[in-house]
Amino acid sequence: MAAVSGTTGVRGVFFEEDDARRAAARLLRDGFEATVARQPFAGEDDDEDHPWVVVTDAPAVMLELLVEVHDGWLEEAAAPPPAAPLVLPRAPRRLHRDTPADRQDPPLG
């Protein structure tokens, strides 16, 4: 399946080729890129039962509406892994000459 530049990470999955082609045609008419391809499920060996997938650069909301009309579903891309935790200091930084001698009260008098 050819990747569409600028994809939203959401794919529309349809049971019927005609439905997938109608959805892709609508997206193309609206000025978006769209490709249709067969996508087998894991472990499925019957070539005729593979669903049809529409990959597009359209907003997910538009694809969601088309999927609802044609009895399909959305597949969202896996969330990106969390960012590495921040490295924080264990104690506050000491400014200037912050030593125990500096913290004593000045002599009065």
PDB file of N, CA and C in Angstrom:
ATOM      1  N   MET A   1       0.846  -1.163   0.000  1.00  0.00           N
ATOM      2  CA  MET A   1       0.000   0.000   0.000  1.00  0.00           C
ATOM      3  C   MET A   1       0.894   1.229   0.000  1.00  0.00           C
ATOM      4  N   ALA A   2       0.630   2.138  -0.882  1.00  0.00           N
ATOM      5  CA  ALA A   2       1.423   3.359  -0.976  1.00  0.00           C
ATOM      6  C   ALA A   2       1.031   4.305   0.143  1.00  0.00           C
ATOM      7  N   ALA A   3       2.009   4.896   0.749  1.00  0.00           N
ATOM      8  CA  ALA A   3       1.743   5.854   1.823  1.00  0.00           C
ATOM      9  C   ALA A   3       1.342   7.181   1.224  1.00  0.00           C
ATOM     10  N   VAL A   4       0.382   7.814   1.849  1.00  0.00           N
ATOM     11  CA  VAL A   4      -0.071   9.131   1.413  1.00  0.00           C
ATOM     12  C   VAL A   4       0.652  10.156   2.255  1.00  0.00           C
ATOM     13  N   SER A   5       1.240  11.154   1.618  1.00  0.00           N
ATOM     14  CA  SER A   5       1.976  12.167   2.367  1.00  0.00           C
ATOM     15  C   SER A   5       1.015  12.945   3.250  1.00  0.00           C
ATOM     16  N   GLY A   6       1.444  13.244   4.469  1.00  0.00           N
ATOM     17  CA  GLY A   6       0.631  14.040   5.387  1.00  0.00           C
ATOM     18  C   GLY A   6      -0.530  13.276   5.993  1.00  0.00           C
ATOM     19  N   THR A   7      -0.441  11.958   6.118  1.00  0.00           N
ATOM     20  CA  THR A   7      -1.545  11.191   6.659  1.00  0.00           C
ATOM     21  C   THR A   7      -1.793  11.565   8.108  1.00  0.00           C
ATOM     22  N   THR A   8      -3.047  11.355   8.528  1.00  0.00           N
ATOM     23  CA  THR A   8      -3.446  11.740   9.873  1.00  0.00           C
ATOM     24  C   THR A   8      -3.224  10.630  10.884  1.00  0.00           C
ATOM     25  N   GLY A   9      -2.783   9.450  10.442  1.00  0.00           N
ATOM     26  CA  GLY A   9      -2.606   8.341  11.363  1.00  0.00           C
ATOM     27  C   GLY A   9      -3.887   7.562  11.564  1.00  0.00           C
ATOM     28  N   VAL A  10      -4.928   7.850  10.752  1.00  0.00           N
ATOM     29  CA  VAL A  10      -6.207   7.168  10.844  1.00  0.00           C
ATOM     30  C   VAL A  10      -6.516   6.580   9.477  1.00  0.00           C
ATOM     31  N   ARG A  11      -6.964   5.325   9.485  1.00  0.00           N
ATOM     32  CA  ARG A  11      -7.330   4.665   8.229  1.00  0.00           C
ATOM     33  C   ARG A  11      -8.781   4.244   8.312  1.00  0.00           C
ATOM     34  N   GLY A  12      -9.479   4.317   7.190  1.00  0.00           N
ATOM     35  CA  GLY A  12     -10.846   3.826   7.118  1.00  0.00           C
ATOM     36  C   GLY A  12     -10.834   2.407   6.587  1.00  0.00           C
ATOM     37  N   VAL A  13     -11.515   1.499   7.264  1.00  0.00           N
ATOM     38  CA  VAL A  13     -11.566   0.098   6.864  1.00  0.00           C
ATOM     39  C   VAL A  13     -12.999  -0.217   6.446  1.00  0.00           C
ATOM     40  N   PHE A  14     -13.150  -0.831   5.262  1.00  0.00           N
ATOM     41  CA  PHE A  14     -14.462  -1.133   4.701  1.00  0.00           C
ATOM     42  C   PHE A  14     -14.512  -2.606   4.310  1.00  0.00           C
ATOM     43  N   PHE A  15     -15.701  -3.223   4.408  1.00  0.00           N
ATOM     44  CA  PHE A  15     -15.861  -4.620   4.027  1.00  0.00           C
ATOM     45  C   PHE A  15     -16.005  -4.780   2.516  1.00  0.00           C
ATOM     46  N   GLU A  16     -16.599  -3.800   1.862  1.00  0.00           N
ATOM     47  CA  GLU A  16     -16.860  -3.893   0.426  1.00  0.00           C
ATOM     48  C   GLU A  16     -15.945  -2.962  -0.360  1.00  0.00           C
ATOM     49  N   GLU A  17     -15.457  -3.443  -1.490  1.00  0.00           N
ATOM     50  CA  GLU A  17     -14.588  -2.632  -2.338  1.00  0.00           C
ATOM     51  C   GLU A  17     -15.324  -1.395  -2.846  1.00  0.00           C
ATOM     52  N   ASP A  18     -16.594  -1.560  -3.225  1.00  0.00           N
ATOM     53  CA  ASP A  18     -17.361  -0.420  -3.743  1.00  0.00           C
ATOM     54  C   ASP A  18     -17.461   0.699  -2.712  1.00  0.00           C
ATOM     55  N   ASP A  19     -17.686   0.333  -1.447  1.00  0.00           N
ATOM     56  CA  ASP A  19     -17.780   1.346  -0.389  1.00  0.00           C
ATOM     57  C   ASP A  19     -16.453   2.074  -0.215  1.00  0.00           C
ATOM     58  N   ALA A  20     -15.354   1.327  -0.247  1.00  0.00           N
ATOM     59  CA  ALA A  20     -14.038   1.942  -0.094  1.00  0.00           C
ATOM     60  C   ALA A  20     -13.750   2.877  -1.268  1.00  0.00           C
ATOM     61  N   ARG A  21     -14.095   2.450  -2.464  1.00  0.00           N
ATOM     62  CA  ARG A  21     -13.861   3.290  -3.644  1.00  0.00           C
ATOM     63  C   ARG A  21     -14.743   4.531  -3.625  1.00  0.00           C
ATOM     64  N   ARG A  22     -15.984   4.412  -3.158  1.00  0.00           N
ATOM     65  CA  ARG A  22     -16.867   5.591  -3.050  1.00  0.00           C
ATOM     66  C   ARG A  22     -16.310   6.593  -2.035  1.00  0.00           C
ATOM     67  N   ALA A  23     -15.826   6.091  -0.902  1.00  0.00           N
ATOM     68  CA  ALA A  23     -15.256   6.974   0.120  1.00  0.00           C
ATOM     69  C   ALA A  23     -14.007   7.675  -0.412  1.00  0.00           C
ATOM     70  N   ALA A  24     -13.155   6.919  -1.100  1.00  0.00           N
ATOM     71  CA  ALA A  24     -11.939   7.516  -1.657  1.00  0.00           C
ATOM     72  C   ALA A  24     -12.288   8.545  -2.737  1.00  0.00           C
ATOM     73  N   ALA A  25     -13.291   8.243  -3.562  1.00  0.00           N
ATOM     74  CA  ALA A  25     -13.700   9.191  -4.605  1.00  0.00           C
ATOM     75  C   ALA A  25     -14.213  10.483  -3.982  1.00  0.00           C
ATOM     76  N   ARG A  26     -14.959  10.371  -2.892  1.00  0.00           N
ATOM     77  CA  ARG A  26     -15.466  11.570  -2.220  1.00  0.00           C
ATOM     78  C   ARG A  26     -14.315  12.417  -1.671  1.00  0.00           C
ATOM     79  N   LEU A  27     -13.337  11.765  -1.079  1.00  0.00           N
ATOM     80  CA  LEU A  27     -12.186  12.483  -0.537  1.00  0.00           C
ATOM     81  C   LEU A  27     -11.386  13.151  -1.663  1.00  0.00           C
ATOM     82  N   LEU A  28     -11.237  12.456  -2.783  1.00  0.00           N
ATOM     83  CA  LEU A  28     -10.532  13.037  -3.931  1.00  0.00           C
ATOM     84  C   LEU A  28     -11.283  14.249  -4.478  1.00  0.00           C
ATOM     85  N   ARG A  29     -12.618  14.148  -4.558  1.00  0.00           N
ATOM     86  CA  ARG A  29     -13.436  15.290  -5.012  1.00  0.00           C
ATOM     87  C   ARG A  29     -13.284  16.492  -4.089  1.00  0.00           C
ATOM     88  N   ASP A  30     -13.089  16.213  -2.806  1.00  0.00           N
ATOM     89  CA  ASP A  30     -12.948  17.298  -1.828  1.00  0.00           C
ATOM     90  C   ASP A  30     -11.525  17.854  -1.776  1.00  0.00           C
ATOM     91  N   GLY A  31     -10.630  17.332  -2.619  1.00  0.00           N
ATOM     92  CA  GLY A  31      -9.289  17.887  -2.721  1.00  0.00           C
ATOM     93  C   GLY A  31      -8.223  17.211  -1.882  1.00  0.00           C
ATOM     94  N   PHE A  32      -8.527  16.054  -1.339  1.00  0.00           N
ATOM     95  CA  PHE A  32      -7.552  15.325  -0.523  1.00  0.00           C
ATOM     96  C   PHE A  32      -6.971  14.166  -1.333  1.00  0.00           C
ATOM     97  N   GLU A  33      -5.844  13.662  -0.893  1.00  0.00           N
ATOM     98  CA  GLU A  33      -5.270  12.457  -1.481  1.00  0.00           C
ATOM     99  C   GLU A  33      -5.915  11.256  -0.801  1.00  0.00           C
ATOM    100  N   ALA A  34      -6.126  10.183  -1.562  1.00  0.00           N
ATOM    101  CA  ALA A  34      -6.700   8.967  -0.985  1.00  0.00           C
ATOM    102  C   ALA A  34      -6.267   7.772  -1.824  1.00  0.00           C
ATOM    103  N   THR A  35      -5.917   6.688  -1.158  1.00  0.00           N
ATOM    104  CA  THR A  35      -5.582   5.446  -1.834  1.00  0.00           C
ATOM    105  C   THR A  35      -6.413   4.321  -1.232  1.00  0.00           C
ATOM    106  N   VAL A  36      -6.714   3.323  -2.058  1.00  0.00           N
ATOM    107  CA  VAL A  36      -7.498   2.164  -1.631  1.00  0.00           C
ATOM    108  C   VAL A  36      -6.635   0.925  -1.832  1.00  0.00           C
ATOM    109  N   ALA A  37      -6.617   0.054  -0.838  1.00  0.00           N
ATOM    110  CA  ALA A  37      -5.841  -1.184  -0.938  1.00  0.00           C
ATOM    111  C   ALA A  37      -6.483  -2.249  -0.057  1.00  0.00           C
ATOM    112  N   ARG A  38      -6.144  -3.487  -0.312  1.00  0.00           N
ATOM    113  CA  ARG A  38      -6.607  -4.595   0.540  1.00  0.00           C
ATOM    114  C   ARG A  38      -5.657  -4.728   1.713  1.00  0.00           C
ATOM    115  N   GLN A  39      -6.231  -5.049   2.863  1.00  0.00           N
ATOM    116  CA  GLN A  39      -5.416  -5.190   4.067  1.00  0.00           C
ATOM    117  C   GLN A  39      -5.851  -6.449   4.803  1.00  0.00           C
ATOM    118  N   PRO A  40      -5.026  -7.491   4.796  1.00  0.00           N
ATOM    119  CA  PRO A  40      -5.417  -8.716   5.503  1.00  0.00           C
ATOM    120  C   PRO A  40      -5.317  -8.544   7.020  1.00  0.00           C
ATOM    121  N   PHE A  41      -6.194  -9.243   7.713  1.00  0.00           N
ATOM    122  CA  PHE A  41      -6.086  -9.295   9.169  1.00  0.00           C
ATOM    123  C   PHE A  41      -5.005 -10.300   9.535  1.00  0.00           C
ATOM    124  N   ALA A  42      -4.459 -10.172  10.711  1.00  0.00           N
ATOM    125  CA  ALA A  42      -3.425 -11.109  11.168  1.00  0.00           C
ATOM    126  C   ALA A  42      -4.020 -12.512  11.259  1.00  0.00           C
ATOM    127  N   GLY A  43      -3.352 -13.468  10.629  1.00  0.00           N
ATOM    128  CA  GLY A  43      -3.776 -14.856  10.706  1.00  0.00           C
ATOM    129  C   GLY A  43      -4.885 -15.225   9.745  1.00  0.00           C
ATOM    130  N   GLU A  44      -5.335 -14.316   8.910  1.00  0.00           N
ATOM    131  CA  GLU A  44      -6.415 -14.619   7.977  1.00  0.00           C
ATOM    132  C   GLU A  44      -5.818 -15.134   6.668  1.00  0.00           C
ATOM    133  N   ASP A  45      -6.334 -16.271   6.192  1.00  0.00           N
ATOM    134  CA  ASP A  45      -5.752 -16.861   4.994  1.00  0.00           C
ATOM    135  C   ASP A  45      -6.686 -16.845   3.786  1.00  0.00           C
ATOM    136  N   ASP A  46      -7.907 -16.394   3.922  1.00  0.00           N
ATOM    137  CA  ASP A  46      -8.839 -16.320   2.798  1.00  0.00           C
ATOM    138  C   ASP A  46      -8.705 -14.956   2.128  1.00  0.00           C
ATOM    139  N   ASP A  47      -8.154 -14.932   0.916  1.00  0.00           N
ATOM    140  CA  ASP A  47      -7.898 -13.673   0.219  1.00  0.00           C
ATOM    141  C   ASP A  47      -9.171 -12.885  -0.079  1.00  0.00           C
ATOM    142  N   GLU A  48     -10.289 -13.552  -0.204  1.00  0.00           N
ATOM    143  CA  GLU A  48     -11.531 -12.851  -0.546  1.00  0.00           C
ATOM    144  C   GLU A  48     -12.140 -12.120   0.647  1.00  0.00           C
ATOM    145  N   ASP A  49     -11.721 -12.447   1.854  1.00  0.00           N
ATOM    146  CA  ASP A  49     -12.302 -11.816   3.045  1.00  0.00           C
ATOM    147  C   ASP A  49     -11.499 -10.626   3.565  1.00  0.00           C
ATOM    148  N   HIS A  50     -10.417 -10.282   2.880  1.00  0.00           N
ATOM    149  CA  HIS A  50      -9.621  -9.151   3.355  1.00  0.00           C
ATOM    150  C   HIS A  50     -10.417  -7.857   3.197  1.00  0.00           C
ATOM    151  N   PRO A  51     -10.405  -7.019   4.203  1.00  0.00           N
ATOM    152  CA  PRO A  51     -11.128  -5.749   4.084  1.00  0.00           C
ATOM    153  C   PRO A  51     -10.374  -4.772   3.182  1.00  0.00           C
ATOM    154  N   TRP A  52     -11.048  -3.702   2.822  1.00  0.00           N
ATOM    155  CA  TRP A  52     -10.480  -2.645   1.995  1.00  0.00           C
ATOM    156  C   TRP A  52     -10.148  -1.464   2.890  1.00  0.00           C
ATOM    157  N   VAL A  53      -8.971  -0.880   2.687  1.00  0.00           N
ATOM    158  CA  VAL A  53      -8.499   0.209   3.535  1.00  0.00           C
ATOM    159  C   VAL A  53      -8.339   1.468   2.685  1.00  0.00           C
ATOM    160  N   VAL A  54      -8.825   2.583   3.215  1.00  0.00           N
ATOM    161  CA  VAL A  54      -8.633   3.889   2.576  1.00  0.00           C
ATOM    162  C   VAL A  54      -7.664   4.679   3.435  1.00  0.00           C
ATOM    163  N   VAL A  55      -6.543   5.065   2.844  1.00  0.00           N
ATOM    164  CA  VAL A  55      -5.542   5.882   3.531  1.00  0.00           C
ATOM    165  C   VAL A  55      -5.600   7.260   2.889  1.00  0.00           C
ATOM    166  N   THR A  56      -5.692   8.297   3.720  1.00  0.00           N
ATOM    167  CA  THR A  56      -5.875   9.639   3.189  1.00  0.00           C
ATOM    168  C   THR A  56      -5.175  10.673   4.050  1.00  0.00           C
ATOM    169  N   ASP A  57      -5.015  11.875   3.481  1.00  0.00           N
ATOM    170  CA  ASP A  57      -4.478  12.991   4.250  1.00  0.00           C
ATOM    171  C   ASP A  57      -5.599  13.900   4.747  1.00  0.00           C
ATOM    172  N   ALA A  58      -6.838  13.472   4.587  1.00  0.00           N
ATOM    173  CA  ALA A  58      -7.998  14.247   5.059  1.00  0.00           C
ATOM    174  C   ALA A  58      -8.059  14.208   6.589  1.00  0.00           C
ATOM    175  N   PRO A  59      -8.725  15.185   7.196  1.00  0.00           N
ATOM    176  CA  PRO A  59      -8.903  15.149   8.653  1.00  0.00           C
ATOM    177  C   PRO A  59      -9.668  13.895   9.083  1.00  0.00           C
ATOM    178  N   ALA A  60      -9.369  13.399  10.247  1.00  0.00           N
ATOM    179  CA  ALA A  60      -9.980  12.172  10.755  1.00  0.00           C
ATOM    180  C   ALA A  60     -11.494  12.284  10.823  1.00  0.00           C
ATOM    181  N   VAL A  61     -12.004  13.471  11.087  1.00  0.00           N
ATOM    182  CA  VAL A  61     -13.455  13.662  11.198  1.00  0.00           C
ATOM    183  C   VAL A  61     -14.138  13.361   9.869  1.00  0.00           C
ATOM    184  N   MET A  62     -13.543  13.809   8.769  1.00  0.00           N
ATOM    185  CA  MET A  62     -14.136  13.546   7.453  1.00  0.00           C
ATOM    186  C   MET A  62     -14.169  12.052   7.159  1.00  0.00           C
ATOM    187  N   LEU A  63     -13.078  11.373   7.452  1.00  0.00           N
ATOM    188  CA  LEU A  63     -13.033   9.938   7.208  1.00  0.00           C
ATOM    189  C   LEU A  63     -14.003   9.208   8.130  1.00  0.00           C
ATOM    190  N   GLU A  64     -14.146   9.685   9.348  1.00  0.00           N
ATOM    191  CA  GLU A  64     -15.076   9.062  10.286  1.00  0.00           C
ATOM    192  C   GLU A  64     -16.508   9.131   9.770  1.00  0.00           C
ATOM    193  N   LEU A  65     -16.904  10.258   9.201  1.00  0.00           N
ATOM    194  CA  LEU A  65     -18.256  10.391   8.650  1.00  0.00           C
ATOM    195  C   LEU A  65     -18.478   9.420   7.494  1.00  0.00           C
ATOM    196  N   LEU A  66     -17.487   9.278   6.623  1.00  0.00           N
ATOM    197  CA  LEU A  66     -17.618   8.351   5.500  1.00  0.00           C
ATOM    198  C   LEU A  66     -17.664   6.901   5.974  1.00  0.00           C
ATOM    199  N   VAL A  67     -16.909   6.584   6.997  1.00  0.00           N
ATOM    200  CA  VAL A  67     -16.900   5.230   7.537  1.00  0.00           C
ATOM    201  C   VAL A  67     -18.263   4.897   8.138  1.00  0.00           C
ATOM    202  N   GLU A  68     -18.881   5.849   8.809  1.00  0.00           N
ATOM    203  CA  GLU A  68     -20.202   5.608   9.398  1.00  0.00           C
ATOM    204  C   GLU A  68     -21.252   5.366   8.325  1.00  0.00           C
ATOM    205  N   VAL A  69     -21.185   6.101   7.248  1.00  0.00           N
ATOM    206  CA  VAL A  69     -22.161   5.952   6.164  1.00  0.00           C
ATOM    207  C   VAL A  69     -22.043   4.579   5.509  1.00  0.00           C
ATOM    208  N   HIS A  70     -20.831   4.072   5.350  1.00  0.00           N
ATOM    209  CA  HIS A  70     -20.602   2.835   4.614  1.00  0.00           C
ATOM    210  C   HIS A  70     -20.325   1.627   5.517  1.00  0.00           C
ATOM    211  N   ASP A  71     -20.691   1.698   6.782  1.00  0.00           N
ATOM    212  CA  ASP A  71     -20.546   0.580   7.722  1.00  0.00           C
ATOM    213  C   ASP A  71     -19.130   0.032   7.810  1.00  0.00           C
ATOM    214  N   GLY A  72     -18.193   0.905   8.024  1.00  0.00           N
ATOM    215  CA  GLY A  72     -16.809   0.498   8.227  1.00  0.00           C
ATOM    216  C   GLY A  72     -16.369   0.911   9.621  1.00  0.00           C
ATOM    217  N   TRP A  73     -15.071   1.024   9.812  1.00  0.00           N
ATOM    218  CA  TRP A  73     -14.549   1.512  11.087  1.00  0.00           C
ATOM    219  C   TRP A  73     -13.230   2.213  10.870  1.00  0.00           C
ATOM    220  N   LEU A  74     -12.813   2.958  11.876  1.00  0.00           N
ATOM    221  CA  LEU A  74     -11.542   3.670  11.836  1.00  0.00           C
ATOM    222  C   LEU A  74     -10.486   2.858  12.571  1.00  0.00           C
ATOM    223  N   GLU A  75      -9.300   2.872  12.033  1.00  0.00           N
ATOM    224  CA  GLU A  75      -8.141   2.310  12.731  1.00  0.00           C
ATOM    225  C   GLU A  75      -7.189   3.459  12.989  1.00  0.00           C
ATOM    226  N   GLU A  76      -6.943   3.712  14.242  1.00  0.00           N
ATOM    227  CA  GLU A  76      -6.021   4.793  14.579  1.00  0.00           C
ATOM    228  C   GLU A  76      -4.626   4.217  14.769  1.00  0.00           C
ATOM    229  N   ALA A  77      -3.646   4.993  14.368  1.00  0.00           N
ATOM    230  CA  ALA A  77      -2.257   4.578  14.548  1.00  0.00           C
ATOM    231  C   ALA A  77      -1.950   4.497  16.038  1.00  0.00           C
ATOM    232  N   ALA A  78      -1.016   3.656  16.369  1.00  0.00           N
ATOM    233  CA  ALA A  78      -0.615   3.524  17.771  1.00  0.00           C
ATOM    234  C   ALA A  78      -0.051   4.853  18.267  1.00  0.00           C
ATOM    235  N   ALA A  79      -0.321   5.145  19.508  1.00  0.00           N
ATOM    236  CA  ALA A  79       0.186   6.388  20.101  1.00  0.00           C
ATOM    237  C   ALA A  79       1.711   6.340  20.155  1.00  0.00           C
ATOM    238  N   PRO A  80       2.344   7.478  19.952  1.00  0.00           N
ATOM    239  CA  PRO A  80       3.808   7.475  20.027  1.00  0.00           C
ATOM    240  C   PRO A  80       4.263   7.144  21.447  1.00  0.00           C
ATOM    241  N   PRO A  81       5.431   6.546  21.580  1.00  0.00           N
ATOM    242  CA  PRO A  81       5.914   6.207  22.922  1.00  0.00           C
ATOM    243  C   PRO A  81       6.113   7.479  23.744  1.00  0.00           C
ATOM    244  N   PRO A  82       5.933   7.374  25.048  1.00  0.00           N
ATOM    245  CA  PRO A  82       6.096   8.570  25.874  1.00  0.00           C
ATOM    246  C   PRO A  82       7.527   9.091  25.801  1.00  0.00           C
ATOM    247  N   ALA A  83       7.660  10.374  25.954  1.00  0.00           N
ATOM    248  CA  ALA A  83       8.987  10.997  25.926  1.00  0.00           C
ATOM    249  C   ALA A  83       9.788  10.543  27.143  1.00  0.00           C
ATOM    250  N   ALA A  84      11.086  10.590  27.014  1.00  0.00           N
ATOM    251  CA  ALA A  84      11.949  10.216  28.132  1.00  0.00           C
ATOM    252  C   ALA A  84      11.675  11.153  29.313  1.00  0.00           C
ATOM    253  N   PRO A  85      11.697  10.627  30.518  1.00  0.00           N
ATOM    254  CA  PRO A  85      11.444  11.488  31.670  1.00  0.00           C
ATOM    255  C   PRO A  85      12.501  12.583  31.786  1.00  0.00           C
ATOM    256  N   LEU A  86      12.079  13.708  32.299  1.00  0.00           N
ATOM    257  CA  LEU A  86      12.997  14.826  32.485  1.00  0.00           C
ATOM    258  C   LEU A  86      14.007  14.516  33.581  1.00  0.00           C
ATOM    259  N   VAL A  87      15.202  14.987  33.398  1.00  0.00           N
ATOM    260  CA  VAL A  87      16.234  14.838  34.420  1.00  0.00           C
ATOM    261  C   VAL A  87      16.167  16.095  35.286  1.00  0.00           C
ATOM    262  N   LEU A  88      15.677  15.922  36.496  1.00  0.00           N
ATOM    263  CA  LEU A  88      15.515  17.054  37.405  1.00  0.00           C
ATOM    264  C   LEU A  88      16.582  17.008  38.484  1.00  0.00           C
ATOM    265  N   PRO A  89      16.976  18.176  38.994  1.00  0.00           N
ATOM    266  CA  PRO A  89      17.976  18.179  40.082  1.00  0.00           C
ATOM    267  C   PRO A  89      17.375  17.593  41.353  1.00  0.00           C
ATOM    268  N   ARG A  90      18.223  17.016  42.187  1.00  0.00           N
ATOM    269  CA  ARG A  90      17.760  16.420  43.434  1.00  0.00           C
ATOM    270  C   ARG A  90      17.584  17.464  44.537  1.00  0.00           C
ATOM    271  N   ALA A  91      18.216  18.590  44.392  1.00  0.00           N
ATOM    272  CA  ALA A  91      18.132  19.656  45.401  1.00  0.00           C
ATOM    273  C   ALA A  91      18.175  21.001  44.670  1.00  0.00           C
ATOM    274  N   PRO A  92      17.758  22.070  45.346  1.00  0.00           N
ATOM    275  CA  PRO A  92      17.819  23.375  44.692  1.00  0.00           C
ATOM    276  C   PRO A  92      19.260  23.776  44.402  1.00  0.00           C
ATOM    277  N   ARG A  93      19.419  24.538  43.363  1.00  0.00           N
ATOM    278  CA  ARG A  93      20.763  25.030  43.041  1.00  0.00           C
ATOM    279  C   ARG A  93      21.170  26.092  44.049  1.00  0.00           C
ATOM    280  N   ARG A  94      22.423  26.120  44.338  1.00  0.00           N
ATOM    281  CA  ARG A  94      22.936  27.121  45.279  1.00  0.00           C
ATOM    282  C   ARG A  94      23.457  28.299  44.482  1.00  0.00           C
ATOM    283  N   LEU A  95      22.963  29.456  44.833  1.00  0.00           N
ATOM    284  CA  LEU A  95      23.380  30.668  44.142  1.00  0.00           C
ATOM    285  C   LEU A  95      24.476  31.369  44.929  1.00  0.00           C
ATOM    286  N   HIS A  96      25.344  32.007  44.238  1.00  0.00           N
ATOM    287  CA  HIS A  96      26.435  32.798  44.810  1.00  0.00           C
ATOM    288  C   HIS A  96      27.271  31.924  45.741  1.00  0.00           C
ATOM    289  N   ARG A  97      27.550  32.447  46.907  1.00  0.00           N
ATOM    290  CA  ARG A  97      28.394  31.704  47.850  1.00  0.00           C
ATOM    291  C   ARG A  97      27.537  31.241  49.012  1.00  0.00           C
ATOM    292  N   ASP A  98      26.624  30.396  48.726  1.00  0.00           N
ATOM    293  CA  ASP A  98      25.690  29.927  49.742  1.00  0.00           C
ATOM    294  C   ASP A  98      26.337  28.793  50.540  1.00  0.00           C
ATOM    295  N   THR A  99      27.034  29.165  51.601  1.00  0.00           N
ATOM    296  CA  THR A  99      27.675  28.201  52.482  1.00  0.00           C
ATOM    297  C   THR A  99      27.106  28.390  53.879  1.00  0.00           C
ATOM    298  N   PRO A 100      27.350  27.486  54.806  1.00  0.00           N
ATOM    299  CA  PRO A 100      26.828  27.664  56.167  1.00  0.00           C
ATOM    300  C   PRO A 100      27.303  28.967  56.808  1.00  0.00           C
ATOM    301  N   ALA A 101      28.496  29.424  56.511  1.00  0.00           N
ATOM    302  CA  ALA A 101      28.995  30.668  57.098  1.00  0.00           C
ATOM    303  C   ALA A 101      28.202  31.879  56.570  1.00  0.00           C
ATOM    304  N   ASP A 102      27.749  31.811  55.342  1.00  0.00           N
ATOM    305  CA  ASP A 102      26.960  32.907  54.776  1.00  0.00           C
ATOM    306  C   ASP A 102      25.566  33.001  55.387  1.00  0.00           C
ATOM    307  N   ARG A 103      25.089  31.910  55.971  1.00  0.00           N
ATOM    308  CA  ARG A 103      23.716  31.908  56.511  1.00  0.00           C
ATOM    309  C   ARG A 103      23.657  32.402  57.951  1.00  0.00           C
ATOM    310  N   GLN A 104      24.751  32.701  58.561  1.00  0.00           N
ATOM    311  CA  GLN A 104      24.742  33.198  59.945  1.00  0.00           C
ATOM    312  C   GLN A 104      24.287  34.657  59.935  1.00  0.00           C
ATOM    313  N   ASP A 105      23.622  35.026  61.013  1.00  0.00           N
ATOM    314  CA  ASP A 105      23.190  36.418  61.160  1.00  0.00           C
ATOM    315  C   ASP A 105      24.413  37.297  61.345  1.00  0.00           C
ATOM    316  N   PRO A 106      24.378  38.479  60.748  1.00  0.00           N
ATOM    317  CA  PRO A 106      25.516  39.388  60.936  1.00  0.00           C
ATOM    318  C   PRO A 106      25.568  39.878  62.390  1.00  0.00           C
ATOM    319  N   PRO A 107      26.736  40.159  62.872  1.00  0.00           N
ATOM    320  CA  PRO A 107      26.856  40.648  64.273  1.00  0.00           C
ATOM    321  C   PRO A 107      26.167  42.009  64.417  1.00  0.00           C
ATOM    322  N   LEU A 108      25.514  42.198  65.544  1.00  0.00           N
ATOM    323  CA  LEU A 108      24.859  43.482  65.837  1.00  0.00           C
ATOM    324  C   LEU A 108      25.834  44.413  66.523  1.00  0.00           C
ATOM    325  N   GLY A 109      25.733  45.623  66.212  1.00  0.00           N
ATOM    326  CA  GLY A 109      26.497  46.486  67.029  1.00  0.00           C
ATOM    327  C   GLY A 109      27.286  47.490  66.449  1.00  0.00           C
TER     328      GLY A 109
END
